[in-house]
Amino acid sequence: MEKNKLKTLRRSRRRRGLRKRLTGTAECPRLAVFRSSKHIYAQVIDDVTGTTLVAAGSVAAKITSGSNVSAAQEVGKLIAEKAKAAGVVKVAFDRSGFRYHGRIKALADAAREGGLKF
């Protein structure tokens, strides 16, 4: 099997395991993070109604280099600001099968500093 296919398969298995335990509600929506090779994205999702409450990404924020830790920190601050404006304070963090380090950790820490609790 190709290395990239195997890597994607492993991530999807980890993601399925996480999603069995994580569900976003109106009181505590899910903060889902996606990391591509060039950008990073975050969404606050209410799974009960199936709606995205707030979204932010390094593309929408017009960050010049969206694939580094500083860009992830900016997206984390931006998602925290938008979520607080929408009345969301407590969230469940969904790392989508990505390891909790680097850009994912930077986004989470910046969101916490911005006032989100998880």
PDB file of N, CA and C in Angstrom:
ATOM      1  N   MET A   1       0.843  -1.185   0.000  1.00  0.00           N
ATOM      2  CA  MET A   1       0.000   0.000   0.000  1.00  0.00           C
ATOM      3  C   MET A   1       0.880   1.236   0.000  1.00  0.00           C
ATOM      4  N   GLU A   2       0.451   2.278  -0.723  1.00  0.00           N
ATOM      5  CA  GLU A   2       1.205   3.513  -0.770  1.00  0.00           C
ATOM      6  C   GLU A   2       1.249   4.162   0.603  1.00  0.00           C
ATOM      7  N   LYS A   3       2.314   4.907   0.819  1.00  0.00           N
ATOM      8  CA  LYS A   3       2.495   5.549   2.122  1.00  0.00           C
ATOM      9  C   LYS A   3       1.368   6.537   2.429  1.00  0.00           C
ATOM     10  N   ASN A   4       0.973   7.351   1.430  1.00  0.00           N
ATOM     11  CA  ASN A   4      -0.078   8.349   1.662  1.00  0.00           C
ATOM     12  C   ASN A   4      -1.428   7.698   1.923  1.00  0.00           C
ATOM     13  N   LYS A   5      -1.738   6.613   1.214  1.00  0.00           N
ATOM     14  CA  LYS A   5      -3.006   5.929   1.436  1.00  0.00           C
ATOM     15  C   LYS A   5      -3.052   5.321   2.831  1.00  0.00           C
ATOM     16  N   LEU A   6      -1.938   4.739   3.240  1.00  0.00           N
ATOM     17  CA  LEU A   6      -1.862   4.137   4.569  1.00  0.00           C
ATOM     18  C   LEU A   6      -2.007   5.204   5.649  1.00  0.00           C
ATOM     19  N   LYS A   7      -1.367   6.355   5.431  1.00  0.00           N
ATOM     20  CA  LYS A   7      -1.439   7.463   6.379  1.00  0.00           C
ATOM     21  C   LYS A   7      -2.883   7.970   6.504  1.00  0.00           C
ATOM     22  N   THR A   8      -3.564   8.117   5.370  1.00  0.00           N
ATOM     23  CA  THR A   8      -4.953   8.571   5.363  1.00  0.00           C
ATOM     24  C   THR A   8      -5.865   7.556   6.019  1.00  0.00           C
ATOM     25  N   LEU A   9      -5.620   6.272   5.766  1.00  0.00           N
ATOM     26  CA  LEU A   9      -6.426   5.217   6.364  1.00  0.00           C
ATOM     27  C   LEU A   9      -6.292   5.220   7.881  1.00  0.00           C
ATOM     28  N   ARG A  10      -5.077   5.356   8.373  1.00  0.00           N
ATOM     29  CA  ARG A  10      -4.856   5.398   9.820  1.00  0.00           C
ATOM     30  C   ARG A  10      -5.557   6.594  10.452  1.00  0.00           C
ATOM     31  N   ARG A  11      -5.464   7.768   9.787  1.00  0.00           N
ATOM     32  CA  ARG A  11      -6.119   8.970  10.312  1.00  0.00           C
ATOM     33  C   ARG A  11      -7.630   8.793  10.343  1.00  0.00           C
ATOM     34  N   SER A  12      -8.196   8.186   9.299  1.00  0.00           N
ATOM     35  CA  SER A  12      -9.647   7.998   9.271  1.00  0.00           C
ATOM     36  C   SER A  12     -10.101   7.030  10.357  1.00  0.00           C
ATOM     37  N   ARG A  13      -9.299   6.037  10.664  1.00  0.00           N
ATOM     38  CA  ARG A  13      -9.625   5.120  11.775  1.00  0.00           C
ATOM     39  C   ARG A  13      -9.594   5.843  13.111  1.00  0.00           C
ATOM     40  N   ARG A  14      -8.565   6.669  13.316  1.00  0.00           N
ATOM     41  CA  ARG A  14      -8.479   7.452  14.556  1.00  0.00           C
ATOM     42  C   ARG A  14      -9.662   8.404  14.651  1.00  0.00           C
ATOM     43  N   ARG A  15     -10.037   9.003  13.518  1.00  0.00           N
ATOM     44  CA  ARG A  15     -11.137   9.950  13.503  1.00  0.00           C
ATOM     45  C   ARG A  15     -12.462   9.265  13.855  1.00  0.00           C
ATOM     46  N   ARG A  16     -12.688   8.082  13.306  1.00  0.00           N
ATOM     47  CA  ARG A  16     -13.911   7.342  13.628  1.00  0.00           C
ATOM     48  C   ARG A  16     -13.999   7.031  15.115  1.00  0.00           C
ATOM     49  N   GLY A  17     -12.878   6.662  15.714  1.00  0.00           N
ATOM     50  CA  GLY A  17     -12.867   6.379  17.143  1.00  0.00           C
ATOM     51  C   GLY A  17     -13.185   7.607  17.970  1.00  0.00           C
ATOM     52  N   LEU A  18     -12.640   8.750  17.548  1.00  0.00           N
ATOM     53  CA  LEU A  18     -12.920   9.991  18.263  1.00  0.00           C
ATOM     54  C   LEU A  18     -14.375  10.395  18.130  1.00  0.00           C
ATOM     55  N   ARG A  19     -14.929  10.259  16.918  1.00  0.00           N
ATOM     56  CA  ARG A  19     -16.293  10.705  16.667  1.00  0.00           C
ATOM     57  C   ARG A  19     -17.344   9.832  17.347  1.00  0.00           C
ATOM     58  N   LYS A  20     -16.963   8.616  17.744  1.00  0.00           N
ATOM     59  CA  LYS A  20     -17.882   7.784  18.526  1.00  0.00           C
ATOM     60  C   LYS A  20     -18.136   8.423  19.885  1.00  0.00           C
ATOM     61  N   ARG A  21     -17.090   9.052  20.430  1.00  0.00           N
ATOM     62  CA  ARG A  21     -17.180   9.621  21.775  1.00  0.00           C
ATOM     63  C   ARG A  21     -17.572  11.093  21.782  1.00  0.00           C
ATOM     64  N   LEU A  22     -17.265  11.828  20.706  1.00  0.00           N
ATOM     65  CA  LEU A  22     -17.497  13.269  20.668  1.00  0.00           C
ATOM     66  C   LEU A  22     -18.763  13.618  19.901  1.00  0.00           C
ATOM     67  N   THR A  23     -19.615  14.405  20.516  1.00  0.00           N
ATOM     68  CA  THR A  23     -20.798  14.924  19.847  1.00  0.00           C
ATOM     69  C   THR A  23     -21.018  16.349  20.323  1.00  0.00           C
ATOM     70  N   GLY A  24     -21.259  17.244  19.388  1.00  0.00           N
ATOM     71  CA  GLY A  24     -21.511  18.627  19.740  1.00  0.00           C
ATOM     72  C   GLY A  24     -22.986  18.865  19.987  1.00  0.00           C
ATOM     73  N   THR A  25     -23.298  19.537  21.067  1.00  0.00           N
ATOM     74  CA  THR A  25     -24.677  19.890  21.385  1.00  0.00           C
ATOM     75  C   THR A  25     -24.807  21.410  21.370  1.00  0.00           C
ATOM     76  N   ALA A  26     -26.005  21.902  21.618  1.00  0.00           N
ATOM     77  CA  ALA A  26     -26.219  23.346  21.639  1.00  0.00           C
ATOM     78  C   ALA A  26     -25.464  23.983  22.811  1.00  0.00           C
ATOM     79  N   GLU A  27     -25.411  23.270  23.953  1.00  0.00           N
ATOM     80  CA  GLU A  27     -24.701  23.802  25.129  1.00  0.00           C
ATOM     81  C   GLU A  27     -23.188  23.690  24.976  1.00  0.00           C
ATOM     82  N   CYS A  28     -22.738  22.615  24.358  1.00  0.00           N
ATOM     83  CA  CYS A  28     -21.303  22.372  24.198  1.00  0.00           C
ATOM     84  C   CYS A  28     -21.037  21.870  22.771  1.00  0.00           C
ATOM     85  N   PRO A  29     -20.940  22.795  21.793  1.00  0.00           N
ATOM     86  CA  PRO A  29     -20.709  22.365  20.416  1.00  0.00           C
ATOM     87  C   PRO A  29     -19.296  21.831  20.217  1.00  0.00           C
ATOM     88  N   ARG A  30     -19.082  21.223  19.061  1.00  0.00           N
ATOM     89  CA  ARG A  30     -17.809  20.580  18.737  1.00  0.00           C
ATOM     90  C   ARG A  30     -16.934  21.555  17.965  1.00  0.00           C
ATOM     91  N   LEU A  31     -15.687  21.718  18.402  1.00  0.00           N
ATOM     92  CA  LEU A  31     -14.701  22.528  17.688  1.00  0.00           C
ATOM     93  C   LEU A  31     -13.879  21.575  16.824  1.00  0.00           C
ATOM     94  N   ALA A  32     -14.216  21.485  15.548  1.00  0.00           N
ATOM     95  CA  ALA A  32     -13.555  20.560  14.629  1.00  0.00           C
ATOM     96  C   ALA A  32     -12.421  21.284  13.909  1.00  0.00           C
ATOM     97  N   VAL A  33     -11.270  20.634  13.819  1.00  0.00           N
ATOM     98  CA  VAL A  33     -10.090  21.211  13.190  1.00  0.00           C
ATOM     99  C   VAL A  33      -9.688  20.344  12.008  1.00  0.00           C
ATOM    100  N   PHE A  34      -9.344  20.981  10.885  1.00  0.00           N
ATOM    101  CA  PHE A  34      -8.799  20.266   9.741  1.00  0.00           C
ATOM    102  C   PHE A  34      -7.500  20.932   9.333  1.00  0.00           C
ATOM    103  N   ARG A  35      -6.492  20.122   9.088  1.00  0.00           N
ATOM    104  CA  ARG A  35      -5.170  20.617   8.736  1.00  0.00           C
ATOM    105  C   ARG A  35      -4.803  20.058   7.370  1.00  0.00           C
ATOM    106  N   SER A  36      -4.591  20.947   6.400  1.00  0.00           N
ATOM    107  CA  SER A  36      -4.097  20.510   5.102  1.00  0.00           C
ATOM    108  C   SER A  36      -2.623  20.881   5.019  1.00  0.00           C
ATOM    109  N   SER A  37      -2.002  20.601   3.904  1.00  0.00           N
ATOM    110  CA  SER A  37      -0.580  20.916   3.786  1.00  0.00           C
ATOM    111  C   SER A  37      -0.344  22.421   3.678  1.00  0.00           C
ATOM    112  N   LYS A  38      -1.340  23.170   3.197  1.00  0.00           N
ATOM    113  CA  LYS A  38      -1.153  24.606   3.003  1.00  0.00           C
ATOM    114  C   LYS A  38      -1.913  25.484   3.991  1.00  0.00           C
ATOM    115  N   HIS A  39      -3.008  24.970   4.563  1.00  0.00           N
ATOM    116  CA  HIS A  39      -3.846  25.802   5.423  1.00  0.00           C
ATOM    117  C   HIS A  39      -4.381  25.007   6.611  1.00  0.00           C
ATOM    118  N   ILE A  40      -5.033  25.731   7.531  1.00  0.00           N
ATOM    119  CA  ILE A  40      -5.679  25.107   8.675  1.00  0.00           C
ATOM    120  C   ILE A  40      -7.051  25.755   8.853  1.00  0.00           C
ATOM    121  N   TYR A  41      -8.036  24.942   9.211  1.00  0.00           N
ATOM    122  CA  TYR A  41      -9.425  25.391   9.310  1.00  0.00           C
ATOM    123  C   TYR A  41     -10.006  24.926  10.635  1.00  0.00           C
ATOM    124  N   ALA A  42     -10.979  25.699  11.150  1.00  0.00           N
ATOM    125  CA  ALA A  42     -11.674  25.328  12.380  1.00  0.00           C
ATOM    126  C   ALA A  42     -13.150  25.688  12.243  1.00  0.00           C
ATOM    127  N   GLN A  43     -14.009  24.820  12.792  1.00  0.00           N
ATOM    128  CA  GLN A  43     -15.449  25.053  12.774  1.00  0.00           C
ATOM    129  C   GLN A  43     -16.026  24.715  14.140  1.00  0.00           C
ATOM    130  N   VAL A  44     -17.030  25.472  14.554  1.00  0.00           N
ATOM    131  CA  VAL A  44     -17.785  25.156  15.758  1.00  0.00           C
ATOM    132  C   VAL A  44     -19.132  24.618  15.265  1.00  0.00           C
ATOM    133  N   ILE A  45     -19.413  23.336  15.584  1.00  0.00           N
ATOM    134  CA  ILE A  45     -20.541  22.624  14.996  1.00  0.00           C
ATOM    135  C   ILE A  45     -21.494  22.121  16.076  1.00  0.00           C
ATOM    136  N   ASP A  46     -22.792  22.323  15.838  1.00  0.00           N
ATOM    137  CA  ASP A  46     -23.841  21.727  16.662  1.00  0.00           C
ATOM    138  C   ASP A  46     -24.331  20.488  15.916  1.00  0.00           C
ATOM    139  N   ASP A  47     -23.972  19.301  16.399  1.00  0.00           N
ATOM    140  CA  ASP A  47     -24.297  18.056  15.708  1.00  0.00           C
ATOM    141  C   ASP A  47     -25.765  17.670  15.828  1.00  0.00           C
ATOM    142  N   VAL A  48     -26.456  18.177  16.826  1.00  0.00           N
ATOM    143  CA  VAL A  48     -27.868  17.840  17.009  1.00  0.00           C
ATOM    144  C   VAL A  48     -28.689  18.406  15.852  1.00  0.00           C
ATOM    145  N   THR A  49     -28.448  19.675  15.529  1.00  0.00           N
ATOM    146  CA  THR A  49     -29.163  20.297  14.412  1.00  0.00           C
ATOM    147  C   THR A  49     -28.406  20.177  13.096  1.00  0.00           C
ATOM    148  N   GLY A  50     -27.134  19.810  13.160  1.00  0.00           N
ATOM    149  CA  GLY A  50     -26.329  19.661  11.952  1.00  0.00           C
ATOM    150  C   GLY A  50     -25.933  20.984  11.331  1.00  0.00           C
ATOM    151  N   THR A  51     -25.686  21.986  12.162  1.00  0.00           N
ATOM    152  CA  THR A  51     -25.333  23.302  11.651  1.00  0.00           C
ATOM    153  C   THR A  51     -23.956  23.737  12.123  1.00  0.00           C
ATOM    154  N   THR A  52     -23.294  24.493  11.269  1.00  0.00           N
ATOM    155  CA  THR A  52     -22.026  25.105  11.629  1.00  0.00           C
ATOM    156  C   THR A  52     -22.331  26.477  12.206  1.00  0.00           C
ATOM    157  N   LEU A  53     -21.958  26.678  13.448  1.00  0.00           N
ATOM    158  CA  LEU A  53     -22.244  27.939  14.120  1.00  0.00           C
ATOM    159  C   LEU A  53     -21.235  29.013  13.733  1.00  0.00           C
ATOM    160  N   VAL A  54     -19.954  28.638  13.716  1.00  0.00           N
ATOM    161  CA  VAL A  54     -18.869  29.576  13.438  1.00  0.00           C
ATOM    162  C   VAL A  54     -17.785  28.826  12.666  1.00  0.00           C
ATOM    163  N   ALA A  55     -17.128  29.522  11.737  1.00  0.00           N
ATOM    164  CA  ALA A  55     -16.024  28.917  10.998  1.00  0.00           C
ATOM    165  C   ALA A  55     -14.909  29.939  10.810  1.00  0.00           C
ATOM    166  N   ALA A  56     -13.674  29.448  10.784  1.00  0.00           N
ATOM    167  CA  ALA A  56     -12.515  30.299  10.530  1.00  0.00           C
ATOM    168  C   ALA A  56     -11.439  29.447   9.877  1.00  0.00           C
ATOM    169  N   GLY A  57     -10.594  30.082   9.108  1.00  0.00           N
ATOM    170  CA  GLY A  57      -9.513  29.358   8.461  1.00  0.00           C
ATOM    171  C   GLY A  57      -8.412  30.316   8.062  1.00  0.00           C
ATOM    172  N   SER A  58      -7.264  29.774   7.742  1.00  0.00           N
ATOM    173  CA  SER A  58      -6.140  30.620   7.351  1.00  0.00           C
ATOM    174  C   SER A  58      -6.364  31.238   5.983  1.00  0.00           C
ATOM    175  N   VAL A  59      -7.246  30.675   5.159  1.00  0.00           N
ATOM    176  CA  VAL A  59      -7.571  31.267   3.860  1.00  0.00           C
ATOM    177  C   VAL A  59      -8.463  32.488   4.064  1.00  0.00           C
ATOM    178  N   ALA A  60      -9.521  32.325   4.852  1.00  0.00           N
ATOM    179  CA  ALA A  60     -10.472  33.411   5.085  1.00  0.00           C
ATOM    180  C   ALA A  60      -9.832  34.558   5.865  1.00  0.00           C
ATOM    181  N   ALA A  61      -8.892  34.249   6.720  1.00  0.00           N
ATOM    182  CA  ALA A  61      -8.235  35.271   7.527  1.00  0.00           C
ATOM    183  C   ALA A  61      -7.141  35.998   6.740  1.00  0.00           C
ATOM    184  N   LYS A  62      -6.912  35.563   5.503  1.00  0.00           N
ATOM    185  CA  LYS A  62      -5.905  36.159   4.616  1.00  0.00           C
ATOM    186  C   LYS A  62      -4.514  36.169   5.251  1.00  0.00           C
ATOM    187  N   ILE A  63      -4.168  35.046   5.851  1.00  0.00           N
ATOM    188  CA  ILE A  63      -2.841  34.882   6.431  1.00  0.00           C
ATOM    189  C   ILE A  63      -1.920  34.451   5.307  1.00  0.00           C
ATOM    190  N   THR A  64      -0.782  35.114   5.173  1.00  0.00           N
ATOM    191  CA  THR A  64       0.083  34.868   4.022  1.00  0.00           C
ATOM    192  C   THR A  64       0.621  33.444   4.001  1.00  0.00           C
ATOM    193  N   SER A  65       1.122  32.977   5.120  1.00  0.00           N
ATOM    194  CA  SER A  65       1.603  31.601   5.194  1.00  0.00           C
ATOM    195  C   SER A  65       0.682  30.830   6.123  1.00  0.00           C
ATOM    196  N   GLY A  66      -0.238  30.070   5.548  1.00  0.00           N
ATOM    197  CA  GLY A  66      -1.242  29.391   6.342  1.00  0.00           C
ATOM    198  C   GLY A  66      -0.817  28.043   6.862  1.00  0.00           C
ATOM    199  N   SER A  67       0.426  27.645   6.613  1.00  0.00           N
ATOM    200  CA  SER A  67       0.836  26.297   6.975  1.00  0.00           C
ATOM    201  C   SER A  67       1.843  26.260   8.118  1.00  0.00           C
ATOM    202  N   ASN A  68       1.868  27.300   8.949  1.00  0.00           N
ATOM    203  CA  ASN A  68       2.804  27.267  10.063  1.00  0.00           C
ATOM    204  C   ASN A  68       2.086  27.488  11.394  1.00  0.00           C
ATOM    205  N   VAL A  69       2.831  27.390  12.470  1.00  0.00           N
ATOM    206  CA  VAL A  69       2.266  27.456  13.814  1.00  0.00           C
ATOM    207  C   VAL A  69       1.674  28.834  14.095  1.00  0.00           C
ATOM    208  N   SER A  70       2.310  29.897  13.614  1.00  0.00           N
ATOM    209  CA  SER A  70       1.778  31.241  13.874  1.00  0.00           C
ATOM    210  C   SER A  70       0.429  31.442  13.178  1.00  0.00           C
ATOM    211  N   ALA A  71       0.254  30.865  12.006  1.00  0.00           N
ATOM    212  CA  ALA A  71      -1.033  30.933  11.320  1.00  0.00           C
ATOM    213  C   ALA A  71      -2.093  30.174  12.112  1.00  0.00           C
ATOM    214  N   ALA A  72      -1.736  29.031  12.656  1.00  0.00           N
ATOM    215  CA  ALA A  72      -2.666  28.253  13.470  1.00  0.00           C
ATOM    216  C   ALA A  72      -3.074  29.028  14.720  1.00  0.00           C
ATOM    217  N   GLN A  73      -2.140  29.754  15.302  1.00  0.00           N
ATOM    218  CA  GLN A  73      -2.459  30.567  16.477  1.00  0.00           C
ATOM    219  C   GLN A  73      -3.445  31.679  16.119  1.00  0.00           C
ATOM    220  N   GLU A  74      -3.253  32.305  14.969  1.00  0.00           N
ATOM    221  CA  GLU A  74      -4.162  33.363  14.540  1.00  0.00           C
ATOM    222  C   GLU A  74      -5.564  32.818  14.285  1.00  0.00           C
ATOM    223  N   VAL A  75      -5.643  31.629  13.675  1.00  0.00           N
ATOM    224  CA  VAL A  75      -6.944  31.005  13.425  1.00  0.00           C
ATOM    225  C   VAL A  75      -7.611  30.643  14.752  1.00  0.00           C
ATOM    226  N   GLY A  76      -6.830  30.176  15.726  1.00  0.00           N
ATOM    227  CA  GLY A  76      -7.367  29.862  17.049  1.00  0.00           C
ATOM    228  C   GLY A  76      -7.945  31.092  17.736  1.00  0.00           C
ATOM    229  N   LYS A  77      -7.243  32.216  17.647  1.00  0.00           N
ATOM    230  CA  LYS A  77      -7.742  33.462  18.234  1.00  0.00           C
ATOM    231  C   LYS A  77      -9.008  33.918  17.520  1.00  0.00           C
ATOM    232  N   LEU A  78      -9.006  33.793  16.200  1.00  0.00           N
ATOM    233  CA  LEU A  78     -10.152  34.227  15.397  1.00  0.00           C
ATOM    234  C   LEU A  78     -11.396  33.388  15.691  1.00  0.00           C
ATOM    235  N   ILE A  79     -11.223  32.071  15.802  1.00  0.00           N
ATOM    236  CA  ILE A  79     -12.375  31.200  16.083  1.00  0.00           C
ATOM    237  C   ILE A  79     -12.913  31.468  17.492  1.00  0.00           C
ATOM    238  N   ALA A  80     -12.030  31.778  18.432  1.00  0.00           N
ATOM    239  CA  ALA A  80     -12.470  32.088  19.799  1.00  0.00           C
ATOM    240  C   ALA A  80     -13.278  33.385  19.825  1.00  0.00           C
ATOM    241  N   GLU A  81     -12.816  34.397  19.091  1.00  0.00           N
ATOM    242  CA  GLU A  81     -13.550  35.662  19.033  1.00  0.00           C
ATOM    243  C   GLU A  81     -14.935  35.466  18.431  1.00  0.00           C
ATOM    244  N   LYS A  82     -14.992  34.747  17.310  1.00  0.00           N
ATOM    245  CA  LYS A  82     -16.268  34.534  16.627  1.00  0.00           C
ATOM    246  C   LYS A  82     -17.223  33.697  17.492  1.00  0.00           C
ATOM    247  N   ALA A  83     -16.681  32.687  18.166  1.00  0.00           N
ATOM    248  CA  ALA A  83     -17.521  31.829  19.005  1.00  0.00           C
ATOM    249  C   ALA A  83     -18.085  32.607  20.187  1.00  0.00           C
ATOM    250  N   LYS A  84     -17.263  33.426  20.812  1.00  0.00           N
ATOM    251  CA  LYS A  84     -17.746  34.226  21.934  1.00  0.00           C
ATOM    252  C   LYS A  84     -18.806  35.218  21.476  1.00  0.00           C
ATOM    253  N   ALA A  85     -18.645  35.759  20.267  1.00  0.00           N
ATOM    254  CA  ALA A  85     -19.649  36.679  19.725  1.00  0.00           C
ATOM    255  C   ALA A  85     -20.970  35.953  19.454  1.00  0.00           C
ATOM    256  N   ALA A  86     -20.879  34.653  19.130  1.00  0.00           N
ATOM    257  CA  ALA A  86     -22.077  33.855  18.880  1.00  0.00           C
ATOM    258  C   ALA A  86     -22.664  33.287  20.172  1.00  0.00           C
ATOM    259  N   GLY A  87     -22.021  33.561  21.306  1.00  0.00           N
ATOM    260  CA  GLY A  87     -22.539  33.107  22.594  1.00  0.00           C
ATOM    261  C   GLY A  87     -22.059  31.726  23.010  1.00  0.00           C
ATOM    262  N   VAL A  88     -20.985  31.250  22.398  1.00  0.00           N
ATOM    263  CA  VAL A  88     -20.437  29.927  22.726  1.00  0.00           C
ATOM    264  C   VAL A  88     -19.186  30.119  23.572  1.00  0.00           C
ATOM    265  N   VAL A  89     -19.143  29.467  24.727  1.00  0.00           N
ATOM    266  CA  VAL A  89     -17.970  29.555  25.599  1.00  0.00           C
ATOM    267  C   VAL A  89     -17.337  28.183  25.784  1.00  0.00           C
ATOM    268  N   LYS A  90     -18.155  27.159  25.946  1.00  0.00           N
ATOM    269  CA  LYS A  90     -17.659  25.805  26.194  1.00  0.00           C
ATOM    270  C   LYS A  90     -17.801  24.975  24.917  1.00  0.00           C
ATOM    271  N   VAL A  91     -16.708  24.298  24.520  1.00  0.00           N
ATOM    272  CA  VAL A  91     -16.719  23.456  23.322  1.00  0.00           C
ATOM    273  C   VAL A  91     -16.045  22.120  23.615  1.00  0.00           C
ATOM    274  N   ALA A  92     -16.305  21.145  22.742  1.00  0.00           N
ATOM    275  CA  ALA A  92     -15.611  19.860  22.786  1.00  0.00           C
ATOM    276  C   ALA A  92     -14.619  19.863  21.630  1.00  0.00           C
ATOM    277  N   PHE A  93     -13.338  19.654  21.893  1.00  0.00           N
ATOM    278  CA  PHE A  93     -12.295  19.756  20.874  1.00  0.00           C
ATOM    279  C   PHE A  93     -12.202  18.459  20.073  1.00  0.00           C
ATOM    280  N   ASP A  94     -12.361  18.567  18.765  1.00  0.00           N
ATOM    281  CA  ASP A  94     -12.276  17.436  17.839  1.00  0.00           C
ATOM    282  C   ASP A  94     -11.065  17.646  16.953  1.00  0.00           C
ATOM    283  N   ARG A  95     -10.020  16.883  17.194  1.00  0.00           N
ATOM    284  CA  ARG A  95      -8.783  17.040  16.435  1.00  0.00           C
ATOM    285  C   ARG A  95      -8.803  16.279  15.117  1.00  0.00           C
ATOM    286  N   SER A  96      -9.896  15.605  14.814  1.00  0.00           N
ATOM    287  CA  SER A  96     -10.127  14.920  13.528  1.00  0.00           C
ATOM    288  C   SER A  96      -9.059  13.888  13.180  1.00  0.00           C
ATOM    289  N   GLY A  97      -8.541  13.216  14.173  1.00  0.00           N
ATOM    290  CA  GLY A  97      -7.565  12.158  13.923  1.00  0.00           C
ATOM    291  C   GLY A  97      -6.129  12.637  13.809  1.00  0.00           C
ATOM    292  N   PHE A  98      -5.912  13.949  13.854  1.00  0.00           N
ATOM    293  CA  PHE A  98      -4.559  14.480  13.790  1.00  0.00           C
ATOM    294  C   PHE A  98      -3.930  14.387  15.169  1.00  0.00           C
ATOM    295  N   ARG A  99      -2.609  14.199  15.214  1.00  0.00           N
ATOM    296  CA  ARG A  99      -1.925  14.151  16.497  1.00  0.00           C
ATOM    297  C   ARG A  99      -1.964  15.518  17.162  1.00  0.00           C
ATOM    298  N   TYR A 100      -2.075  15.536  18.483  1.00  0.00           N
ATOM    299  CA  TYR A 100      -2.181  16.781  19.228  1.00  0.00           C
ATOM    300  C   TYR A 100      -0.785  17.342  19.479  1.00  0.00           C
ATOM    301  N   HIS A 101      -0.239  17.970  18.447  1.00  0.00           N
ATOM    302  CA  HIS A 101       1.040  18.665  18.566  1.00  0.00           C
ATOM    303  C   HIS A 101       1.180  19.595  17.380  1.00  0.00           C
ATOM    304  N   GLY A 102       2.136  20.480  17.427  1.00  0.00           N
ATOM    305  CA  GLY A 102       2.377  21.380  16.314  1.00  0.00           C
ATOM    306  C   GLY A 102       1.235  22.343  16.086  1.00  0.00           C
ATOM    307  N   ARG A 103       0.731  22.377  14.846  1.00  0.00           N
ATOM    308  CA  ARG A 103      -0.312  23.339  14.475  1.00  0.00           C
ATOM    309  C   ARG A 103      -1.631  23.090  15.200  1.00  0.00           C
ATOM    310  N   ILE A 104      -1.970  21.829  15.430  1.00  0.00           N
ATOM    311  CA  ILE A 104      -3.219  21.505  16.123  1.00  0.00           C
ATOM    312  C   ILE A 104      -3.159  22.017  17.561  1.00  0.00           C
ATOM    313  N   LYS A 105      -2.046  21.771  18.230  1.00  0.00           N
ATOM    314  CA  LYS A 105      -1.868  22.223  19.610  1.00  0.00           C
ATOM    315  C   LYS A 105      -1.840  23.747  19.684  1.00  0.00           C
ATOM    316  N   ALA A 106      -1.193  24.391  18.717  1.00  0.00           N
ATOM    317  CA  ALA A 106      -1.116  25.851  18.703  1.00  0.00           C
ATOM    318  C   ALA A 106      -2.507  26.462  18.547  1.00  0.00           C
ATOM    319  N   LEU A 107      -3.329  25.887  17.679  1.00  0.00           N
ATOM    320  CA  LEU A 107      -4.693  26.373  17.494  1.00  0.00           C
ATOM    321  C   LEU A 107      -5.503  26.196  18.776  1.00  0.00           C
ATOM    322  N   ALA A 108      -5.377  25.040  19.411  1.00  0.00           N
ATOM    323  CA  ALA A 108      -6.113  24.767  20.644  1.00  0.00           C
ATOM    324  C   ALA A 108      -5.700  25.722  21.761  1.00  0.00           C
ATOM    325  N   ASP A 109      -4.403  25.939  21.922  1.00  0.00           N
ATOM    326  CA  ASP A 109      -3.915  26.840  22.973  1.00  0.00           C
ATOM    327  C   ASP A 109      -4.382  28.278  22.740  1.00  0.00           C
ATOM    328  N   ALA A 110      -4.364  28.715  21.476  1.00  0.00           N
ATOM    329  CA  ALA A 110      -4.808  30.079  21.158  1.00  0.00           C
ATOM    330  C   ALA A 110      -6.309  30.224  21.389  1.00  0.00           C
ATOM    331  N   ALA A 111      -7.073  29.189  21.097  1.00  0.00           N
ATOM    332  CA  ALA A 111      -8.515  29.233  21.345  1.00  0.00           C
ATOM    333  C   ALA A 111      -8.796  29.299  22.840  1.00  0.00           C
ATOM    334  N   ARG A 112      -8.013  28.577  23.622  1.00  0.00           N
ATOM    335  CA  ARG A 112      -8.162  28.640  25.083  1.00  0.00           C
ATOM    336  C   ARG A 112      -7.826  30.037  25.601  1.00  0.00           C
ATOM    337  N   GLU A 113      -6.752  30.611  25.079  1.00  0.00           N
ATOM    338  CA  GLU A 113      -6.363  31.958  25.493  1.00  0.00           C
ATOM    339  C   GLU A 113      -7.430  32.973  25.104  1.00  0.00           C
ATOM    340  N   GLY A 114      -8.119  32.706  23.982  1.00  0.00           N
ATOM    341  CA  GLY A 114      -9.165  33.588  23.510  1.00  0.00           C
ATOM    342  C   GLY A 114     -10.455  33.495  24.323  1.00  0.00           C
ATOM    343  N   GLY A 115     -10.549  32.515  25.212  1.00  0.00           N
ATOM    344  CA  GLY A 115     -11.704  32.440  26.108  1.00  0.00           C
ATOM    345  C   GLY A 115     -12.561  31.194  25.959  1.00  0.00           C
ATOM    346  N   LEU A 116     -12.231  30.298  25.033  1.00  0.00           N
ATOM    347  CA  LEU A 116     -12.993  29.060  24.918  1.00  0.00           C
ATOM    348  C   LEU A 116     -12.550  28.071  25.989  1.00  0.00           C
ATOM    349  N   LYS A 117     -13.490  27.299  26.500  1.00  0.00           N
ATOM    350  CA  LYS A 117     -13.168  26.313  27.533  1.00  0.00           C
ATOM    351  C   LYS A 117     -13.381  24.916  26.975  1.00  0.00           C
ATOM    352  N   PHE A 118     -12.325  24.084  27.052  1.00  0.00           N
ATOM    353  CA  PHE A 118     -12.419  22.681  26.680  1.00  0.00           C
ATOM    354  C   PHE A 118     -11.288  21.920  27.311  1.00  0.00           C
TER     355      PHE A 118
END
